[in-house]
Amino acid sequence: MVALWLVLDQGTGSTRARVYDTAGRVVAEARQPLTLLRPGPGRVEQDPEQVVDSLHGCLRAIADQVRTTDLVAAGLATQRSSLLCWDPVDGHPLSPVISWMDRRTAGPVPDPAQRARIRRLTGLRYSPHYGAGKIRWCLDRLPAVREAVAAGRCLCGPLAAFLLDRCLQRPPHAVDTINASRTLLWNLQSGRWDPGLLDLFGVPVRLLPALMPDGADWGRLDIVDCPLYRVTGDQAAALHADGPPRPGRVYLNLGTGAFVQAVTGDRPARVDGLLTGVARDDGGTRLHTLEGTVNGAAAALAEVAGQTVTPARLDAALAAEMDPPLFLNGIGGLGSPWWVAAFPSRFLPQRPASVAARLAAVAESILFLVQANLERLAEAGWRPRSLGLGGGLSRSSALCQRLADLSGLPVRGRRDPEATLAGLHRLLRRDLGAEALPAQDGPCYRPRRDGALQRRYRAWRAALAAELTVLGDA
């Protein structure tokens, strides 16, 4: 019998599956695209049935490529902050999938004391991107949800829990720690749903799935009849793409959004403006992180260009525009370390005529936002020695080189930029005690002196500070 490892990445733009052999080679893969729906300002949704169909489609495609009896273990990574409500009896969705990018609940916020309490208990900032406000919106606005609650047939929670109910042979009505931690309802210290936060947001605990460590025996996947041993969030998996995360290295995943992560060990650390997160929970010990979030990375490029931007096109734009204009990037909301949900995006001094100039400006804004998070880490004593890079945008060598030039750090890319799939595979091997794979060699970008880039960054910081002052006075 050949031992094969199945990993599934349910992302924002697509669902992907891969099968690795014992040597770490990819022997089968599948991809199903997904549609983002934008029914109104600040609203971003997905069709729950399309997401389920995409996962089933990937499983069927894998079953056509390998013998399913050779699959020894599977893992699932999902969008962490996307959420919905469903009927646990028949699995029928009661709401759309409300995306992690959705900002429909960006209205009145708790008072400063309550915000501080949320930060202390969850490690997160109060934000419409996270789950509690989305659950409350569903309970208040959707008749189907209210009727199901009254009938005792409603669960609300992270997308992972719904997919488990629909794709496992025995629905567990449970969710993993990593995805639960993005709801604003999970207590970072106790590892449980927090009664005080449930009361604050008006969410009865009976409406939430049970909690399990991300490394556990979750049951067997349908279609391929394979045991599922790891359920986690996409960014938590990406952190393990080259094995156990290394001290002194900060990890950056450049996808739809960009996520900056530094591992802090078995105890949570706090830095103003950044998130305290969990990257792994094995039931006894947890691996904690500090995280910075850039909401508009590939999503910002696509919005400005009107279509998905390929790495080759981005390279060409950056090569053509060595001194692009500035772009204040609030697409999807201004993330860490400022946390302004409704931030107006704009070019400075004005919108450039050429598409290449716009793409270069947006690309640099992503790097500027990343650099601001790196500086916040360094100010708090978490000064990185290098950057590990993954995600689709890491295929742009020009973008990676400018990141190295701006940060002054060596940037280590990957031959295979699919960090979530690679990290999930390594976690599975660890779970089953398989021999660890060596770290993957990839391109290394050494920092070069670029005074013009540094000047643009300083000008961008000044323009952003001025805009934040205006918003604060409004």
Protein backbone atom coordinates (compact mmCIF):
# COMPACT_ATOMS: atom_id res chain seq x y z
CA MET A 1 0.00 0.00 0.00
CA VAL A 2 1.20 3.52 -0.87
CA ALA A 3 0.73 6.11 1.89
CA LEU A 4 -0.81 9.33 0.57
CA TRP A 5 -1.77 12.54 2.37
CA LEU A 6 -4.79 14.62 1.33
CA VAL A 7 -4.97 18.35 2.12
CA LEU A 8 -7.86 20.72 1.39
CA ASP A 9 -7.68 24.51 1.35
CA GLN A 10 -11.09 26.18 1.26
CA GLY A 11 -10.12 29.75 0.38
CA THR A 12 -11.82 32.96 -0.64
CA GLY A 13 -11.45 32.61 -4.41
CA SER A 14 -11.32 28.84 -4.77
CA THR A 15 -11.20 25.48 -3.05
CA ARG A 16 -8.04 23.49 -3.70
CA ALA A 17 -6.97 19.94 -2.95
CA ARG A 18 -3.63 18.17 -3.13
CA VAL A 19 -2.33 14.71 -2.47
CA TYR A 20 1.29 14.27 -1.36
CA ASP A 21 3.27 11.03 -1.26
CA THR A 22 5.70 10.06 1.51
CA ALA A 23 8.55 11.92 -0.23
CA GLY A 24 6.55 15.15 -0.26
CA ARG A 25 5.81 15.07 -4.01
CA VAL A 26 2.45 16.28 -5.30
CA VAL A 27 0.78 13.30 -6.99
CA ALA A 28 -2.72 14.71 -7.52
CA GLU A 29 -4.46 18.06 -7.28
CA ALA A 30 -7.76 19.76 -8.01
CA ARG A 31 -9.20 23.24 -7.93
CA GLN A 32 -12.75 24.60 -7.99
CA PRO A 33 -13.28 28.38 -8.43
CA LEU A 34 -15.71 30.31 -6.24
CA THR A 35 -17.79 33.43 -6.75
CA LEU A 36 -17.80 36.42 -4.42
CA LEU A 37 -21.14 38.22 -4.14
CA ARG A 38 -21.35 41.92 -3.27
CA PRO A 39 -25.04 42.66 -2.60
CA GLY A 40 -24.42 46.12 -1.12
CA PRO A 41 -21.82 48.57 0.23
CA GLY A 42 -19.41 46.80 2.55
CA ARG A 43 -21.14 43.45 1.99
CA VAL A 44 -19.25 40.41 0.76
CA GLU A 45 -20.92 36.99 0.65
CA GLN A 46 -20.63 33.53 -0.81
CA ASP A 47 -23.24 30.89 -1.62
CA PRO A 48 -22.92 28.12 1.01
CA GLU A 49 -24.02 25.43 -1.43
CA GLN A 50 -21.42 26.53 -3.97
CA VAL A 51 -18.72 26.28 -1.30
CA VAL A 52 -19.87 22.76 -0.34
CA ASP A 53 -20.07 21.76 -4.02
CA SER A 54 -16.52 23.04 -4.57
CA LEU A 55 -15.21 20.87 -1.75
CA HIS A 56 -17.11 17.83 -2.98
CA GLY A 57 -15.92 18.55 -6.53
CA CYS A 58 -12.31 18.54 -5.38
CA LEU A 59 -12.82 15.28 -3.49
CA ARG A 60 -14.36 13.63 -6.56
CA ALA A 61 -11.48 14.87 -8.73
CA ILE A 62 -8.96 13.42 -6.28
CA ALA A 63 -10.86 10.11 -6.22
CA ASP A 64 -10.46 9.99 -10.01
CA GLN A 65 -6.67 10.45 -9.75
CA VAL A 66 -5.60 8.18 -6.87
CA ARG A 67 -6.80 5.08 -5.08
CA THR A 68 -8.71 6.40 -2.09
CA THR A 69 -7.68 3.34 -0.07
CA ASP A 70 -4.11 4.74 -0.18
CA LEU A 71 -5.16 7.93 1.63
CA VAL A 72 -3.95 7.66 5.24
CA ALA A 73 -4.98 11.07 6.52
CA ALA A 74 -6.61 14.33 5.48
CA GLY A 75 -6.53 17.91 6.70
CA LEU A 76 -8.81 20.89 6.08
CA ALA A 77 -7.93 24.59 6.23
CA THR A 78 -10.58 27.27 5.81
CA GLN A 79 -11.19 31.01 5.78
CA ARG A 80 -10.97 31.89 9.46
CA SER A 81 -13.45 34.74 9.91
CA SER A 82 -16.16 33.78 7.39
CA LEU A 83 -19.39 32.72 9.08
CA LEU A 84 -22.92 31.47 8.50
CA CYS A 85 -25.99 29.92 10.15
CA TRP A 86 -27.38 26.47 9.27
CA ASP A 87 -29.81 23.76 10.36
CA PRO A 88 -27.77 21.03 12.08
CA VAL A 89 -30.51 18.45 11.50
CA ASP A 90 -30.42 18.47 7.69
CA GLY A 91 -27.38 20.73 7.01
CA HIS A 92 -29.48 23.30 5.16
CA PRO A 93 -27.92 26.80 5.21
CA LEU A 94 -30.04 29.52 6.81
CA SER A 95 -27.86 32.44 5.74
CA PRO A 96 -25.23 33.23 3.14
CA VAL A 97 -21.59 32.78 4.01
CA ILE A 98 -20.71 36.23 5.33
CA SER A 99 -17.11 36.70 4.22
CA TRP A 100 -14.19 37.67 6.42
CA MET A 101 -13.99 40.78 4.19
CA ASP A 102 -17.58 41.80 4.99
CA ARG A 103 -18.07 45.04 6.94
CA ARG A 104 -21.87 45.26 7.22
CA THR A 105 -21.68 45.52 11.03
CA ALA A 106 -19.31 48.53 11.01
CA GLY A 107 -21.89 50.67 12.81
CA PRO A 108 -22.05 51.46 16.54
CA VAL A 109 -19.26 49.79 18.51
CA PRO A 110 -18.92 48.96 22.20
CA ASP A 111 -17.63 51.71 24.47
CA PRO A 112 -13.87 51.95 25.18
CA ALA A 113 -14.11 49.82 28.32
CA GLN A 114 -15.90 47.05 26.45
CA ARG A 115 -13.42 47.22 23.56
CA ALA A 116 -10.56 46.85 26.03
CA ARG A 117 -12.33 43.89 27.60
CA ILE A 118 -12.79 42.22 24.21
CA ARG A 119 -9.10 42.76 23.46
CA ARG A 120 -8.04 41.30 26.81
CA LEU A 121 -10.26 38.22 26.59
CA THR A 122 -9.90 37.33 22.90
CA GLY A 123 -6.59 38.81 21.74
CA LEU A 124 -8.49 40.53 18.89
CA ARG A 125 -9.56 44.08 18.23
CA TYR A 126 -13.27 44.76 18.00
CA SER A 127 -13.92 44.69 14.26
CA PRO A 128 -16.80 43.95 11.88
CA HIS A 129 -14.51 41.45 10.16
CA TYR A 130 -14.90 38.98 13.04
CA GLY A 131 -17.79 36.69 13.80
CA ALA A 132 -19.82 38.00 16.74
CA GLY A 133 -21.34 40.98 14.95
CA LYS A 134 -22.15 38.80 11.94
CA ILE A 135 -24.00 36.29 14.11
CA ARG A 136 -25.92 39.11 15.76
CA TRP A 137 -26.81 40.51 12.33
CA CYS A 138 -28.21 37.14 11.23
CA LEU A 139 -30.23 36.78 14.42
CA ASP A 140 -31.68 40.29 14.02
CA ARG A 141 -32.22 40.45 10.26
CA LEU A 142 -32.94 37.00 8.82
CA PRO A 143 -36.42 35.51 9.40
CA ALA A 144 -35.20 32.00 8.50
CA VAL A 145 -32.62 32.19 11.26
CA ARG A 146 -35.09 33.47 13.85
CA GLU A 147 -37.58 30.74 12.96
CA ALA A 148 -34.90 28.04 13.19
CA VAL A 149 -33.75 29.37 16.58
CA ALA A 150 -37.33 29.21 17.87
CA ALA A 151 -37.61 25.63 16.59
CA GLY A 152 -34.30 24.60 18.17
CA ARG A 153 -32.74 23.92 14.76
CA CYS A 154 -30.03 26.53 14.32
CA LEU A 155 -26.25 26.60 14.60
CA CYS A 156 -24.15 29.71 13.93
CA GLY A 157 -20.41 29.67 13.56
CA PRO A 158 -17.30 29.64 11.42
CA LEU A 159 -17.50 28.26 7.89
CA ALA A 160 -15.32 25.31 8.98
CA ALA A 161 -18.07 23.96 11.26
CA PHE A 162 -20.67 24.04 8.47
CA LEU A 163 -18.33 22.30 6.03
CA LEU A 164 -17.58 19.58 8.58
CA ASP A 165 -21.29 18.96 9.04
CA ARG A 166 -21.75 18.67 5.29
CA CYS A 167 -18.59 16.74 4.34
CA LEU A 168 -18.05 14.23 7.17
CA GLN A 169 -19.89 10.93 7.31
CA ARG A 170 -21.08 11.72 10.85
CA PRO A 171 -21.69 15.47 11.34
CA PRO A 172 -19.81 16.52 14.50
CA HIS A 173 -21.52 19.92 15.08
CA ALA A 174 -18.09 21.14 16.22
CA VAL A 175 -15.39 23.61 15.27
CA ASP A 176 -11.67 23.84 15.88
CA THR A 177 -9.93 26.26 18.23
CA ILE A 178 -8.24 28.23 15.46
CA ASN A 179 -11.43 29.17 13.65
CA ALA A 180 -13.33 29.66 16.91
CA SER A 181 -10.70 32.17 18.01
CA ARG A 182 -11.81 34.60 15.26
CA THR A 183 -15.38 35.02 16.49
CA LEU A 184 -14.83 37.49 19.38
CA LEU A 185 -16.63 34.90 21.52
CA TRP A 186 -13.73 32.56 22.37
CA ASN A 187 -11.61 33.16 25.47
CA LEU A 188 -7.88 33.11 24.80
CA GLN A 189 -7.03 31.93 28.34
CA SER A 190 -9.74 29.36 29.05
CA GLY A 191 -10.04 28.01 25.50
CA ARG A 192 -13.83 28.06 25.82
CA TRP A 193 -16.76 30.14 24.65
CA ASP A 194 -16.76 33.10 27.05
CA PRO A 195 -20.06 33.63 28.96
CA GLY A 196 -19.49 37.37 29.33
CA LEU A 197 -18.82 37.89 25.64
CA LEU A 198 -21.81 35.75 24.69
CA ASP A 199 -23.92 38.01 26.90
CA LEU A 200 -22.34 41.18 25.46
CA PHE A 201 -23.22 40.21 21.89
CA GLY A 202 -26.48 38.46 22.78
CA VAL A 203 -25.47 35.05 21.38
CA PRO A 204 -26.84 32.00 23.27
CA VAL A 205 -24.18 29.34 23.66
CA ARG A 206 -26.64 26.69 22.40
CA LEU A 207 -26.36 28.27 18.94
CA LEU A 208 -22.60 27.65 18.73
CA PRO A 209 -20.81 24.45 17.70
CA ALA A 210 -18.87 22.42 20.24
CA LEU A 211 -15.14 23.11 20.56
CA MET A 212 -12.34 20.70 19.65
CA PRO A 213 -8.55 21.06 19.28
CA ASP A 214 -7.53 21.52 15.66
CA GLY A 215 -5.41 18.39 15.90
CA ALA A 216 -7.98 15.65 16.63
CA ASP A 217 -9.82 12.68 15.14
CA TRP A 218 -12.64 14.54 13.40
CA GLY A 219 -14.21 11.55 11.64
CA ARG A 220 -14.15 10.39 8.02
CA LEU A 221 -14.64 12.47 4.91
CA ASP A 222 -17.39 11.39 2.58
CA ILE A 223 -16.63 10.57 -1.09
CA VAL A 224 -13.02 9.51 -0.32
CA ASP A 225 -13.69 7.73 3.03
CA CYS A 226 -10.51 9.14 4.57
CA PRO A 227 -9.89 10.05 8.25
CA LEU A 228 -9.66 13.79 8.94
CA TYR A 229 -7.02 14.58 11.56
CA ARG A 230 -6.45 18.34 11.28
CA VAL A 231 -8.92 21.23 10.92
CA THR A 232 -7.49 24.73 11.09
CA GLY A 233 -7.44 28.20 9.61
CA ASP A 234 -5.66 29.00 6.36
CA GLN A 235 -3.09 31.38 7.86
CA ALA A 236 -2.36 29.04 10.77
CA ALA A 237 -1.56 26.26 8.30
CA ALA A 238 0.58 28.56 6.13
CA LEU A 239 2.81 29.29 9.11
CA HIS A 240 4.01 25.66 9.02
CA ALA A 241 4.80 25.50 5.29
CA ASP A 242 8.50 24.82 5.91
CA GLY A 243 8.19 22.94 9.18
CA PRO A 244 8.12 24.28 12.74
CA PRO A 245 8.14 28.10 12.64
CA ARG A 246 11.59 29.54 13.34
CA PRO A 247 12.35 32.09 16.08
CA GLY A 248 13.47 35.39 14.60
CA ARG A 249 11.60 34.90 11.33
CA VAL A 250 8.39 36.71 10.52
CA TYR A 251 6.03 34.96 8.10
CA LEU A 252 4.08 36.82 5.45
CA ASN A 253 1.33 35.22 3.38
CA LEU A 254 0.41 37.39 0.38
CA GLY A 255 -2.97 36.29 -0.91
CA THR A 256 -6.38 37.95 -1.13
CA GLY A 257 -5.26 39.71 2.03
CA ALA A 258 -1.77 39.85 3.51
CA PHE A 259 -1.03 38.41 6.95
CA VAL A 260 2.11 39.08 8.99
CA GLN A 261 2.77 36.50 11.73
CA ALA A 262 5.44 36.15 14.41
CA VAL A 263 5.45 33.08 16.67
CA THR A 264 5.55 33.86 20.40
CA GLY A 265 5.46 30.35 21.90
CA ASP A 266 3.12 28.67 24.36
CA ARG A 267 2.12 31.93 26.04
CA PRO A 268 0.18 34.73 24.37
CA ALA A 269 1.94 38.06 23.90
CA ARG A 270 0.35 41.49 23.47
CA VAL A 271 1.38 44.35 21.18
CA ASP A 272 -0.78 47.42 20.73
CA GLY A 273 -2.41 47.47 17.31
CA LEU A 274 -1.65 43.81 16.51
CA LEU A 275 -3.67 40.66 17.14
CA THR A 276 -2.81 37.87 19.55
CA GLY A 277 -3.67 34.62 17.84
CA VAL A 278 -3.43 30.84 18.02
CA ALA A 279 -1.66 28.92 15.28
CA ARG A 280 -1.89 25.40 16.69
CA ASP A 281 -3.80 23.65 19.46
CA ASP A 282 -3.03 20.01 20.18
CA GLY A 283 -5.35 19.72 23.15
CA GLY A 284 -2.64 20.30 25.75
CA THR A 285 -0.40 23.05 24.39
CA ARG A 286 -1.05 25.97 22.07
CA LEU A 287 1.27 27.85 19.75
CA HIS A 288 0.56 31.58 19.88
CA THR A 289 1.30 34.35 17.41
CA LEU A 290 1.31 38.09 16.98
CA GLU A 291 -0.47 38.97 13.74
CA GLY A 292 -0.84 41.97 11.50
CA THR A 293 -3.61 42.10 8.90
CA VAL A 294 -3.72 43.85 5.52
CA ASN A 295 -7.24 43.41 4.16
CA GLY A 296 -6.55 44.59 0.61
CA ALA A 297 -3.70 42.69 -1.06
CA ALA A 298 -4.63 40.73 -4.21
CA ALA A 299 -8.20 41.93 -3.57
CA ALA A 300 -7.04 45.55 -3.88
CA LEU A 301 -5.14 44.87 -7.10
CA ALA A 302 -8.16 43.12 -8.60
CA GLU A 303 -10.51 45.94 -7.62
CA VAL A 304 -8.32 48.60 -9.20
CA ALA A 305 -7.65 46.55 -12.35
CA GLY A 306 -11.20 45.20 -12.67
CA GLN A 307 -9.87 41.64 -12.87
CA THR A 308 -7.41 39.26 -11.24
CA VAL A 309 -3.84 40.49 -11.67
CA THR A 310 -1.25 37.87 -12.59
CA PRO A 311 2.27 37.98 -11.10
CA ALA A 312 3.68 38.55 -14.60
CA ARG A 313 1.45 41.57 -15.11
CA LEU A 314 2.41 42.91 -11.70
CA ASP A 315 6.11 42.46 -12.50
CA ALA A 316 5.64 44.39 -15.73
CA ALA A 317 3.83 47.24 -13.95
CA LEU A 318 6.51 47.55 -11.27
CA ALA A 319 9.27 47.47 -13.90
CA ALA A 320 7.54 50.22 -15.90
CA GLU A 321 6.78 52.44 -12.88
CA MET A 322 9.89 53.02 -10.80
CA ASP A 323 8.36 56.10 -9.12
CA PRO A 324 4.61 55.44 -8.86
CA PRO A 325 2.11 57.70 -7.11
CA LEU A 326 0.84 56.91 -3.61
CA PHE A 327 -2.27 54.92 -2.82
CA LEU A 328 -4.06 55.03 0.53
CA ASN A 329 -5.33 51.46 0.67
CA GLY A 330 -8.54 51.01 2.64
CA ILE A 331 -9.97 48.29 0.40
CA GLY A 332 -11.69 45.84 2.72
CA GLY A 333 -11.10 48.28 5.59
CA LEU A 334 -7.82 49.61 6.99
CA GLY A 335 -6.41 46.81 9.14
CA SER A 336 -3.60 46.71 11.66
CA PRO A 337 -2.25 48.62 13.38
CA TRP A 338 -4.95 51.31 12.85
CA TRP A 339 -8.22 49.35 12.56
CA VAL A 340 -10.50 51.73 10.68
CA ALA A 341 -13.32 49.73 9.09
CA ALA A 342 -14.57 52.52 6.81
CA PHE A 343 -11.45 54.11 5.33
CA PRO A 344 -11.63 55.94 1.97
CA SER A 345 -9.11 54.61 -0.56
CA ARG A 346 -7.57 57.11 -2.97
CA PHE A 347 -4.56 57.88 -5.12
CA LEU A 348 -2.30 60.84 -4.37
CA PRO A 349 -1.97 63.37 -5.86
CA GLN A 350 -4.66 62.06 -8.25
CA ARG A 351 -5.68 58.86 -10.00
CA PRO A 352 -3.00 58.09 -12.61
CA ALA A 353 -4.05 57.64 -16.21
CA SER A 354 -2.24 54.37 -16.89
CA VAL A 355 -3.29 51.02 -15.46
CA ALA A 356 0.39 50.14 -14.88
CA ALA A 357 0.86 53.18 -12.66
CA ARG A 358 -2.26 52.32 -10.66
CA LEU A 359 -1.15 48.72 -10.19
CA ALA A 360 2.33 49.79 -9.09
CA ALA A 361 0.87 52.27 -6.60
CA VAL A 362 -1.47 49.67 -5.12
CA ALA A 363 1.34 47.09 -4.96
CA GLU A 364 3.53 49.53 -3.03
CA SER A 365 0.63 50.33 -0.69
CA ILE A 366 0.50 46.63 0.24
CA LEU A 367 4.22 46.71 1.04
CA PHE A 368 3.82 49.95 3.01
CA LEU A 369 1.06 48.40 5.12
CA VAL A 370 3.22 45.31 5.73
CA GLN A 371 6.18 47.52 6.70
CA ALA A 372 4.06 49.44 9.21
CA ASN A 373 3.23 46.13 10.91
CA LEU A 374 6.87 45.05 10.89
CA GLU A 375 7.81 48.32 12.54
CA ARG A 376 5.15 47.86 15.20
CA LEU A 377 6.57 44.39 15.96
CA ALA A 378 10.11 45.81 16.16
CA GLU A 379 9.03 48.64 18.47
CA ALA A 380 7.64 46.04 20.85
CA GLY A 381 10.87 44.02 20.85
CA TRP A 382 9.93 41.42 18.20
CA ARG A 383 12.56 42.44 15.68
CA PRO A 384 12.73 39.90 12.79
CA ARG A 385 15.97 38.73 11.20
CA SER A 386 14.28 37.57 8.00
CA LEU A 387 10.92 37.27 6.25
CA GLY A 388 9.42 33.98 5.07
CA LEU A 389 7.04 34.48 2.18
CA GLY A 390 4.14 32.53 0.66
CA GLY A 391 0.87 33.11 -1.16
CA GLY A 392 -0.01 33.85 -4.78
CA LEU A 393 1.49 37.35 -4.88
CA SER A 394 4.86 35.95 -3.80
CA ARG A 395 5.22 34.79 -7.42
CA SER A 396 5.96 38.43 -8.31
CA SER A 397 9.73 38.72 -8.05
CA ALA A 398 9.56 42.51 -8.43
CA LEU A 399 7.17 42.78 -5.49
CA CYS A 400 9.39 40.53 -3.35
CA GLN A 401 12.50 42.55 -4.18
CA ARG A 402 10.81 45.83 -3.25
CA LEU A 403 9.69 44.24 0.01
CA ALA A 404 13.30 43.32 0.80
CA ASP A 405 14.47 46.82 -0.16
CA LEU A 406 11.83 48.51 1.97
CA SER A 407 12.15 46.31 5.06
CA GLY A 408 15.94 45.95 4.94
CA LEU A 409 15.45 42.22 5.58
CA PRO A 410 16.30 39.16 3.49
CA VAL A 411 13.07 37.76 2.06
CA ARG A 412 12.90 34.01 1.54
CA GLY A 413 10.32 32.84 -0.98
CA ARG A 414 9.15 29.32 -1.81
CA ARG A 415 9.38 27.35 -5.03
CA ASP A 416 5.79 26.37 -4.34
CA PRO A 417 3.94 29.46 -3.09
CA GLU A 418 0.92 27.44 -1.89
CA ALA A 419 1.88 27.82 1.74
CA THR A 420 -1.48 26.78 3.22
CA LEU A 421 -1.48 23.40 1.45
CA ALA A 422 2.19 22.78 2.20
CA GLY A 423 1.78 23.74 5.88
CA LEU A 424 -1.27 21.54 6.29
CA HIS A 425 0.65 18.60 4.81
CA ARG A 426 3.49 19.09 7.29
CA LEU A 427 1.06 19.34 10.20
CA LEU A 428 -0.56 16.06 9.14
CA ARG A 429 2.79 14.29 8.96
CA ARG A 430 3.55 15.58 12.44
CA ASP A 431 0.16 14.39 13.72
CA LEU A 432 0.82 10.84 12.53
CA GLY A 433 4.49 10.73 13.51
CA ALA A 434 5.77 10.52 9.94
CA GLU A 435 9.32 11.49 9.05
CA ALA A 436 9.66 15.26 8.74
CA LEU A 437 10.47 16.72 5.34
CA PRO A 438 13.41 19.10 4.87
CA ALA A 439 12.66 22.80 4.45
CA GLN A 440 12.08 23.85 0.87
CA ASP A 441 14.69 26.03 -0.79
CA GLY A 442 13.30 29.02 -2.62
CA PRO A 443 14.43 32.34 -4.07
CA CYS A 444 16.10 34.69 -1.61
CA TYR A 445 15.81 38.46 -2.14
CA ARG A 446 18.59 40.46 -0.53
CA PRO A 447 17.83 44.07 0.47
CA ARG A 448 19.27 46.81 -1.73
CA ARG A 449 19.53 50.53 -1.08
CA ASP A 450 16.53 52.35 -2.57
CA GLY A 451 16.25 55.91 -1.30
CA ALA A 452 13.32 56.79 -3.55
CA LEU A 453 11.26 53.87 -2.18
CA GLN A 454 12.02 54.93 1.39
CA ARG A 455 10.98 58.52 0.59
CA ARG A 456 7.69 57.31 -0.89
CA TYR A 457 7.07 55.25 2.22
CA ARG A 458 7.63 58.26 4.48
CA ALA A 459 5.34 60.38 2.30
CA TRP A 460 2.71 57.63 2.41
CA ARG A 461 2.91 57.46 6.23
CA ALA A 462 2.47 61.23 6.46
CA ALA A 463 -0.50 61.21 4.06
CA LEU A 464 -2.12 58.35 5.96
CA ALA A 465 -1.65 60.12 9.29
CA ALA A 466 -3.25 63.27 7.87
CA GLU A 467 -6.23 61.28 6.57
CA LEU A 468 -6.68 59.54 9.93
CA THR A 469 -6.66 62.91 11.66
CA VAL A 470 -9.41 64.17 9.36
CA LEU A 471 -11.47 61.04 9.98
CA GLY A 472 -10.97 61.37 13.72
CA ASP A 473 -12.17 64.98 13.66
CA ALA A 474 -15.19 64.20 11.50
